[in-house]
N, C-alpha and C. Protein backbone atom coordinates (compact mmCIF):
# COMPACT_ATOMS: atom_id res chain seq x y z
N MET A 1 -17.35 16.80 13.07
CA MET A 1 -17.54 16.83 11.63
C MET A 1 -19.24 15.47 11.77
N PRO A 2 -19.89 15.81 11.06
CA PRO A 2 -21.63 14.67 10.98
C PRO A 2 -21.21 13.46 11.23
N GLU A 3 -21.84 12.46 11.98
CA GLU A 3 -21.78 10.87 12.13
C GLU A 3 -21.75 10.19 10.74
N THR A 4 -22.25 11.06 9.76
CA THR A 4 -22.10 10.65 8.77
C THR A 4 -21.46 10.04 7.93
N ALA A 5 -20.61 11.27 7.76
CA ALA A 5 -19.11 11.80 7.16
C ALA A 5 -17.86 11.18 8.31
N VAL A 6 -17.61 10.65 9.15
CA VAL A 6 -17.33 10.08 10.16
C VAL A 6 -17.41 8.18 10.06
N GLN A 7 -18.81 7.94 9.40
CA GLN A 7 -19.23 6.39 8.85
C GLN A 7 -18.41 6.47 7.78
N GLN A 8 -18.57 7.57 6.77
CA GLN A 8 -17.75 7.58 5.18
C GLN A 8 -16.48 7.10 5.46
N VAL A 9 -15.67 7.80 6.37
CA VAL A 9 -14.59 7.81 6.27
C VAL A 9 -13.87 6.60 6.89
N LEU A 10 -14.72 6.05 7.79
CA LEU A 10 -14.76 5.33 8.31
C LEU A 10 -14.31 3.72 7.98
N VAL A 11 -15.37 3.73 6.89
CA VAL A 11 -15.38 2.68 5.80
C VAL A 11 -14.61 2.34 4.32
N PHE A 12 -14.28 4.08 4.14
CA PHE A 12 -13.25 3.81 3.06
C PHE A 12 -11.59 3.29 3.79
N LEU A 13 -11.59 3.58 5.40
CA LEU A 13 -10.32 3.19 5.77
C LEU A 13 -10.66 1.74 5.80
N VAL A 14 -11.49 0.93 6.52
CA VAL A 14 -11.02 -0.27 6.45
C VAL A 14 -11.39 -1.30 4.81
N LEU A 15 -12.16 -0.57 3.76
CA LEU A 15 -11.95 -0.96 2.55
C LEU A 15 -10.40 -0.66 2.22
N PHE A 16 -9.53 0.17 2.57
CA PHE A 16 -8.05 0.25 2.29
C PHE A 16 -7.37 -1.14 3.96
N GLN A 17 -8.20 -1.39 4.54
CA GLN A 17 -7.87 -2.36 5.25
C GLN A 17 -7.20 -3.70 4.72
N VAL A 18 -8.95 -3.65 4.39
CA VAL A 18 -8.88 -5.31 3.56
C VAL A 18 -8.01 -5.43 2.28
N LYS A 19 -8.54 -4.21 1.54
CA LYS A 19 -7.04 -4.08 0.44
C LYS A 19 -5.53 -5.01 0.64
N HIS A 20 -5.36 -3.90 1.87
CA HIS A 20 -3.52 -4.26 2.55
C HIS A 20 -3.30 -5.63 2.56
N PHE A 21 -4.46 -6.19 3.48
CA PHE A 21 -4.43 -7.20 4.24
C PHE A 21 -4.00 -8.46 2.15
N ILE A 22 -5.42 -9.00 1.80
CA ILE A 22 -5.13 -9.29 0.68
C ILE A 22 -3.87 -8.99 -0.24
N CYS A 23 -3.99 -8.20 -0.49
CA CYS A 23 -2.61 -7.85 -1.50
C CYS A 23 -1.42 -8.15 -1.19
N ASP A 24 -0.62 -7.55 0.81
CA ASP A 24 0.47 -8.42 1.21
C ASP A 24 0.53 -9.61 1.51
N GLY A 25 -0.81 -9.86 1.75
CA GLY A 25 -1.01 -10.98 2.39
C GLY A 25 -0.97 -12.55 1.16
N PRO A 26 -2.34 -12.89 0.84
CA PRO A 26 -2.45 -14.13 0.09
C PRO A 26 -2.38 -13.81 -0.97
N LEU A 27 -2.58 -12.72 -2.05
CA LEU A 27 -1.94 -12.01 -3.04
C LEU A 27 0.39 -12.40 -3.10
N GLN A 28 0.80 -12.32 -2.34
CA GLN A 28 2.11 -11.52 -2.09
C GLN A 28 2.83 -13.17 -2.09
N THR A 29 3.68 -13.41 -2.81
CA THR A 29 4.61 -14.36 -3.33
C THR A 29 6.11 -14.09 -2.71
N SER A 30 6.57 -15.41 -2.73
CA SER A 30 7.81 -15.35 -2.22
C SER A 30 9.10 -14.50 -3.31
N ALA A 31 8.20 -14.87 -4.55
CA ALA A 31 9.24 -14.71 -6.07
C ALA A 31 9.20 -12.75 -5.74
N MET A 32 7.64 -12.18 -5.10
CA MET A 32 7.70 -10.72 -5.66
C MET A 32 8.47 -10.39 -4.52
N VAL A 33 8.61 -10.98 -3.15
CA VAL A 33 9.48 -10.46 -2.26
C VAL A 33 11.16 -10.15 -2.58
N ARG A 34 11.25 -11.37 -2.94
CA ARG A 34 13.07 -10.90 -3.48
C ARG A 34 12.70 -10.60 -4.85
N ASP A 35 11.60 -10.46 -5.19
CA ASP A 35 12.11 -9.10 -6.41
C ASP A 35 11.77 -7.54 -6.04
N LYS A 36 11.37 -7.22 -5.33
CA LYS A 36 10.65 -6.17 -4.74
C LYS A 36 12.24 -5.56 -4.25
N GLY A 37 13.28 -5.41 -3.98
CA GLY A 37 15.00 -5.77 -3.45
C GLY A 37 15.17 -4.46 -4.77
N PHE A 38 14.89 -4.99 -6.41
CA PHE A 38 15.61 -5.32 -7.51
C PHE A 38 14.48 -4.06 -8.17
N TYR A 39 15.24 -2.69 -8.88
CA TYR A 39 14.38 -1.94 -8.88
C TYR A 39 14.13 -1.60 -10.89
N GLY A 40 12.50 -1.55 -11.21
CA GLY A 40 12.07 -2.61 -12.04
C GLY A 40 11.97 -4.16 -12.47
N ARG A 41 11.73 -4.97 -11.14
CA ARG A 41 12.02 -6.24 -11.79
C ARG A 41 10.33 -6.40 -11.63
N ARG A 42 10.34 -7.92 -12.89
CA ARG A 42 8.96 -7.33 -12.97
C ARG A 42 8.09 -8.31 -11.57
N LEU A 43 7.96 -9.32 -10.95
CA LEU A 43 7.30 -9.11 -9.98
C LEU A 43 6.91 -8.34 -8.97
N GLY A 44 7.65 -7.61 -8.28
CA GLY A 44 8.26 -6.30 -7.44
C GLY A 44 6.88 -5.33 -8.20
N LEU A 45 7.43 -5.10 -9.43
CA LEU A 45 6.28 -4.23 -10.16
C LEU A 45 4.81 -5.00 -10.17
N LEU A 46 4.50 -6.04 -9.91
CA LEU A 46 3.74 -6.68 -10.29
C LEU A 46 3.13 -6.42 -8.68
N HIS A 47 3.44 -6.71 -7.99
CA HIS A 47 2.98 -6.61 -6.27
C HIS A 47 3.00 -5.27 -6.11
N ALA A 48 2.99 -3.61 -6.59
CA ALA A 48 2.33 -3.09 -6.60
C ALA A 48 1.74 -2.79 -7.43
N GLY A 49 1.68 -3.09 -8.06
CA GLY A 49 0.36 -3.44 -9.06
C GLY A 49 -0.80 -3.64 -9.09
N ILE A 50 -0.59 -5.29 -7.94
CA ILE A 50 -1.85 -5.97 -7.20
C ILE A 50 -2.14 -4.62 -6.48
N HIS A 51 -1.09 -3.85 -5.83
CA HIS A 51 -1.76 -2.98 -4.41
C HIS A 51 -3.07 -2.13 -5.28
N GLY A 52 -2.73 -1.45 -6.46
CA GLY A 52 -2.88 -0.25 -6.94
C GLY A 52 -3.91 -0.68 -7.83
N SER A 53 -4.50 -1.91 -7.94
CA SER A 53 -5.45 -2.62 -8.69
C SER A 53 -6.51 -2.99 -7.09
N GLY A 54 -5.66 -3.21 -6.41
CA GLY A 54 -6.96 -3.28 -5.47
C GLY A 54 -7.14 -1.94 -4.62
N ALA A 55 -6.36 -0.98 -4.88
CA ALA A 55 -7.13 0.59 -4.55
C ALA A 55 -8.52 0.74 -5.47
N LEU A 56 -8.08 0.43 -7.55
CA LEU A 56 -9.38 0.98 -7.51
C LEU A 56 -10.04 0.58 -7.11
N VAL A 57 -10.75 -1.37 -7.15
CA VAL A 57 -11.36 -1.46 -6.57
C VAL A 57 -12.16 -1.11 -5.62
N ALA A 58 -11.45 -0.51 -4.46
CA ALA A 58 -11.58 0.19 -3.28
C ALA A 58 -12.30 0.95 -3.76
N LEU A 59 -11.86 1.77 -3.86
CA LEU A 59 -12.11 3.09 -4.67
C LEU A 59 -13.71 3.00 -5.33
N LEU A 60 -13.33 2.34 -6.52
CA LEU A 60 -15.12 2.16 -6.85
C LEU A 60 -16.15 2.11 -6.62
N LEU A 61 -15.89 0.68 -5.01
CA LEU A 61 -16.56 0.28 -3.90
C LEU A 61 -16.99 0.95 -3.87
N PHE A 62 -16.38 2.43 -3.40
CA PHE A 62 -16.49 3.44 -2.61
C PHE A 62 -17.33 4.46 -3.25
N GLY A 63 -17.38 4.44 -4.89
CA GLY A 63 -18.29 5.56 -5.04
C GLY A 63 -17.54 6.32 -6.27
N LEU A 64 -16.41 6.64 -5.46
CA LEU A 64 -15.85 7.75 -6.95
C LEU A 64 -15.65 7.49 -7.81
N PRO A 65 -15.77 8.59 -9.14
CA PRO A 65 -15.51 8.44 -10.41
C PRO A 65 -14.44 7.90 -10.30
N LEU A 66 -14.56 7.01 -12.07
CA LEU A 66 -13.43 6.44 -12.23
C LEU A 66 -12.20 6.90 -12.69
N LYS A 67 -12.47 8.14 -13.01
CA LYS A 67 -10.96 8.51 -13.78
C LYS A 67 -10.73 9.22 -12.12
N LEU A 68 -10.82 9.74 -10.73
CA LEU A 68 -10.41 10.23 -9.70
C LEU A 68 -10.04 8.95 -9.40
N ALA A 69 -10.53 7.96 -8.79
CA ALA A 69 -10.41 6.44 -9.20
C ALA A 69 -9.21 6.11 -9.79
N LEU A 70 -9.18 6.39 -10.49
CA LEU A 70 -8.16 5.89 -11.80
C LEU A 70 -6.58 6.37 -11.26
N SER A 71 -6.41 7.63 -10.95
CA SER A 71 -5.63 8.85 -10.17
C SER A 71 -5.19 8.02 -9.14
N LEU A 72 -6.02 8.28 -8.13
CA LEU A 72 -5.86 8.03 -7.00
C LEU A 72 -5.40 6.18 -6.80
N ALA A 73 -5.14 5.78 -7.70
CA ALA A 73 -4.85 3.73 -7.61
C ALA A 73 -3.40 3.81 -8.45
N LEU A 74 -3.23 4.87 -9.00
CA LEU A 74 -1.90 5.01 -9.67
C LEU A 74 -1.43 5.97 -8.84
N LEU A 75 -1.41 6.79 -7.58
CA LEU A 75 -0.86 6.97 -6.26
C LEU A 75 -0.46 6.00 -5.81
N ASP A 76 -1.26 5.02 -5.26
CA ASP A 76 -1.26 3.71 -4.77
C ASP A 76 0.03 3.50 -5.16
N PHE A 77 0.11 2.98 -6.41
CA PHE A 77 0.87 2.31 -6.58
C PHE A 77 2.51 2.64 -6.38
N ALA A 78 2.08 3.68 -7.32
CA ALA A 78 3.60 4.79 -6.53
C ALA A 78 4.20 4.23 -5.64
N VAL A 79 3.58 4.40 -4.68
CA VAL A 79 4.18 5.23 -3.42
C VAL A 79 4.59 3.61 -2.60
N HIS A 80 3.80 2.76 -2.74
CA HIS A 80 3.58 1.28 -2.23
C HIS A 80 4.76 0.86 -3.00
N TYR A 81 5.14 1.00 -4.04
CA TYR A 81 6.50 0.27 -5.17
C TYR A 81 7.69 1.11 -4.61
N HIS A 82 7.38 2.47 -4.22
CA HIS A 82 9.00 2.72 -3.58
C HIS A 82 8.90 2.30 -2.37
N VAL A 83 8.21 2.36 -1.69
CA VAL A 83 8.66 2.26 -0.24
C VAL A 83 8.74 0.73 -0.19
N ASP A 84 8.26 -0.39 -0.97
CA ASP A 84 8.61 -1.33 -0.54
C ASP A 84 10.11 -1.65 -1.30
N PHE A 85 10.61 -0.43 -1.90
CA PHE A 85 11.65 -0.93 -3.35
C PHE A 85 12.79 -0.56 -1.97
N SER A 86 12.80 0.81 -1.04
CA SER A 86 13.44 1.47 -0.14
C SER A 86 13.32 0.61 1.05
N LYS A 87 12.09 0.36 1.41
CA LYS A 87 12.80 -1.39 2.20
C LYS A 87 13.33 -2.69 2.20
N GLU A 88 13.31 -2.63 1.50
CA GLU A 88 14.03 -4.14 1.46
C GLU A 88 15.41 -3.42 0.32
N GLN A 89 15.90 -2.21 0.14
CA GLN A 89 17.08 -2.00 -0.29
C GLN A 89 17.64 -1.21 1.65
N ILE A 90 17.13 -0.07 2.20
CA ILE A 90 17.64 -0.56 3.96
C ILE A 90 18.19 -2.19 4.37
N VAL A 91 17.14 -3.25 4.00
CA VAL A 91 17.39 -4.23 4.88
C VAL A 91 18.57 -5.31 3.88
N ARG A 92 18.59 -5.17 3.12
CA ARG A 92 19.23 -6.04 2.13
C ARG A 92 21.09 -5.26 2.42
N ARG A 93 21.46 -4.12 2.22
CA ARG A 93 22.47 -3.69 2.60
C ARG A 93 22.76 -3.40 3.86
N ALA A 94 22.19 -3.56 5.51
CA ALA A 94 22.79 -3.59 6.26
C ALA A 94 22.84 -5.21 6.51
N GLY A 95 21.96 -5.72 5.97
CA GLY A 95 22.40 -7.50 5.85
C GLY A 95 21.77 -7.85 7.19
N TRP A 96 20.19 -7.02 7.57
CA TRP A 96 19.32 -7.49 9.04
C TRP A 96 18.09 -8.69 8.27
N THR A 97 18.11 -9.60 9.24
CA THR A 97 17.18 -10.52 8.97
C THR A 97 16.36 -11.17 9.95
N THR A 98 15.49 -11.83 10.36
CA THR A 98 14.01 -11.77 10.88
C THR A 98 14.97 -11.93 12.22
N SER A 99 16.48 -11.88 12.46
CA SER A 99 16.10 -12.76 13.67
C SER A 99 16.36 -11.94 14.07
N VAL A 100 17.19 -10.65 14.24
CA VAL A 100 17.30 -8.99 14.65
C VAL A 100 16.49 -7.88 14.46
N PRO A 101 16.11 -7.37 15.19
CA PRO A 101 15.03 -5.97 15.57
C PRO A 101 15.01 -5.09 14.52
N GLN A 102 15.93 -4.56 14.38
CA GLN A 102 16.04 -4.08 13.20
C GLN A 102 15.46 -4.59 11.86
N PHE A 103 15.43 -5.55 11.27
CA PHE A 103 14.83 -6.01 10.08
C PHE A 103 12.87 -5.51 10.68
N TRP A 104 12.83 -5.63 11.95
CA TRP A 104 11.20 -5.95 12.59
C TRP A 104 11.02 -4.51 12.74
N TRP A 105 11.56 -3.42 12.53
CA TRP A 105 11.66 -2.30 12.97
C TRP A 105 11.73 -1.94 11.42
N ALA A 106 12.54 -2.24 10.33
CA ALA A 106 11.81 -1.58 8.95
C ALA A 106 10.51 -1.86 8.61
N LEU A 107 10.38 -3.37 8.81
CA LEU A 107 9.07 -4.09 8.66
C LEU A 107 7.87 -3.51 8.89
N SER A 108 8.23 -2.65 10.51
CA SER A 108 7.50 -1.92 11.13
C SER A 108 7.25 -0.67 10.25
N ALA A 109 8.43 -0.18 9.77
CA ALA A 109 8.43 1.09 9.24
C ALA A 109 7.50 0.98 7.93
N ASP A 110 8.02 0.26 6.90
CA ASP A 110 7.32 -0.11 5.84
C ASP A 110 5.80 -0.08 6.06
N GLN A 111 4.97 -0.58 7.17
CA GLN A 111 3.89 -0.87 6.72
C GLN A 111 2.94 0.46 7.54
N MET A 112 4.02 1.75 8.30
CA MET A 112 3.19 2.26 8.70
C MET A 112 3.09 3.99 7.22
N ILE A 113 4.29 3.63 6.90
CA ILE A 113 3.81 4.17 5.59
C ILE A 113 2.64 3.97 5.10
N HIS A 114 2.91 2.82 4.77
CA HIS A 114 1.40 2.27 3.66
C HIS A 114 0.50 3.01 4.65
N GLN A 115 -0.08 2.64 5.68
CA GLN A 115 -1.32 3.07 6.10
C GLN A 115 -1.42 4.35 6.35
N LEU A 116 0.09 5.38 6.41
CA LEU A 116 -0.73 6.64 6.46
C LEU A 116 -0.69 7.56 4.63
N THR A 117 -0.10 6.12 3.75
CA THR A 117 -0.28 6.77 2.83
C THR A 117 -2.06 6.01 2.71
N TYR A 118 -2.44 5.05 3.22
CA TYR A 118 -3.90 5.29 2.94
C TYR A 118 -4.91 6.58 4.39
N LEU A 119 -4.20 7.18 4.76
CA LEU A 119 -4.69 8.73 5.32
C LEU A 119 -4.74 9.42 4.30
N LEU A 120 -3.32 9.85 4.02
CA LEU A 120 -3.34 10.71 2.85
C LEU A 120 -4.39 10.36 1.88
N LEU A 121 -4.68 9.10 1.28
CA LEU A 121 -5.70 8.83 0.36
C LEU A 121 -7.43 9.93 0.74
N ALA A 122 -7.26 9.36 1.90
CA ALA A 122 -8.84 9.60 2.57
C ALA A 122 -8.92 10.72 2.87
N TYR A 123 -7.32 11.96 3.03
CA TYR A 123 -7.42 12.72 3.11
C TYR A 123 -8.30 13.74 1.30
N LEU A 124 -7.04 12.68 0.94
CA LEU A 124 -7.24 13.32 -0.59
C LEU A 124 -8.68 13.88 -1.04
N VAL A 125 -9.28 12.54 -0.44
CA VAL A 125 -10.82 12.24 -1.08
C VAL A 125 -12.18 13.08 -0.74
N PHE A 126 -11.71 13.16 0.62
CA PHE A 126 -12.88 13.92 1.65
C PHE A 126 -12.93 15.86 1.84
N THR A 127 -11.51 15.91 1.44
CA THR A 127 -11.13 17.00 1.00
C THR A 127 -11.11 18.30 0.15
N VAL A 128 -10.85 17.24 -1.06
CA VAL A 128 -10.60 18.23 -2.23
C VAL A 128 -11.29 18.32 -2.87
């Protein structure tokens, strides 16, 4: 891969790291965290929508055409929503709290899947 291509991939991934920090950190509320475990609840959808919007901004900043950026942002929204919902379901049904290692394993798996999603988006942008 030419150096410029490597640089482009890294810039793409940095944009998504910043997006993820902003959307999962400062823009996420405790009410959103509570709603993520109930399918279809407004604040869980809003949280994923914030991620989708952040993805759209990142993709447009990267220079993708609007139609492609919207499609990939929608993919990010859908995956993010279902990963968060699934993690919350597992944690709640098992009764795990922050005091047990399994909670942290579930959280780490959730975050890993989000990162793998960004790698998938990069793959789609750079190879399709």
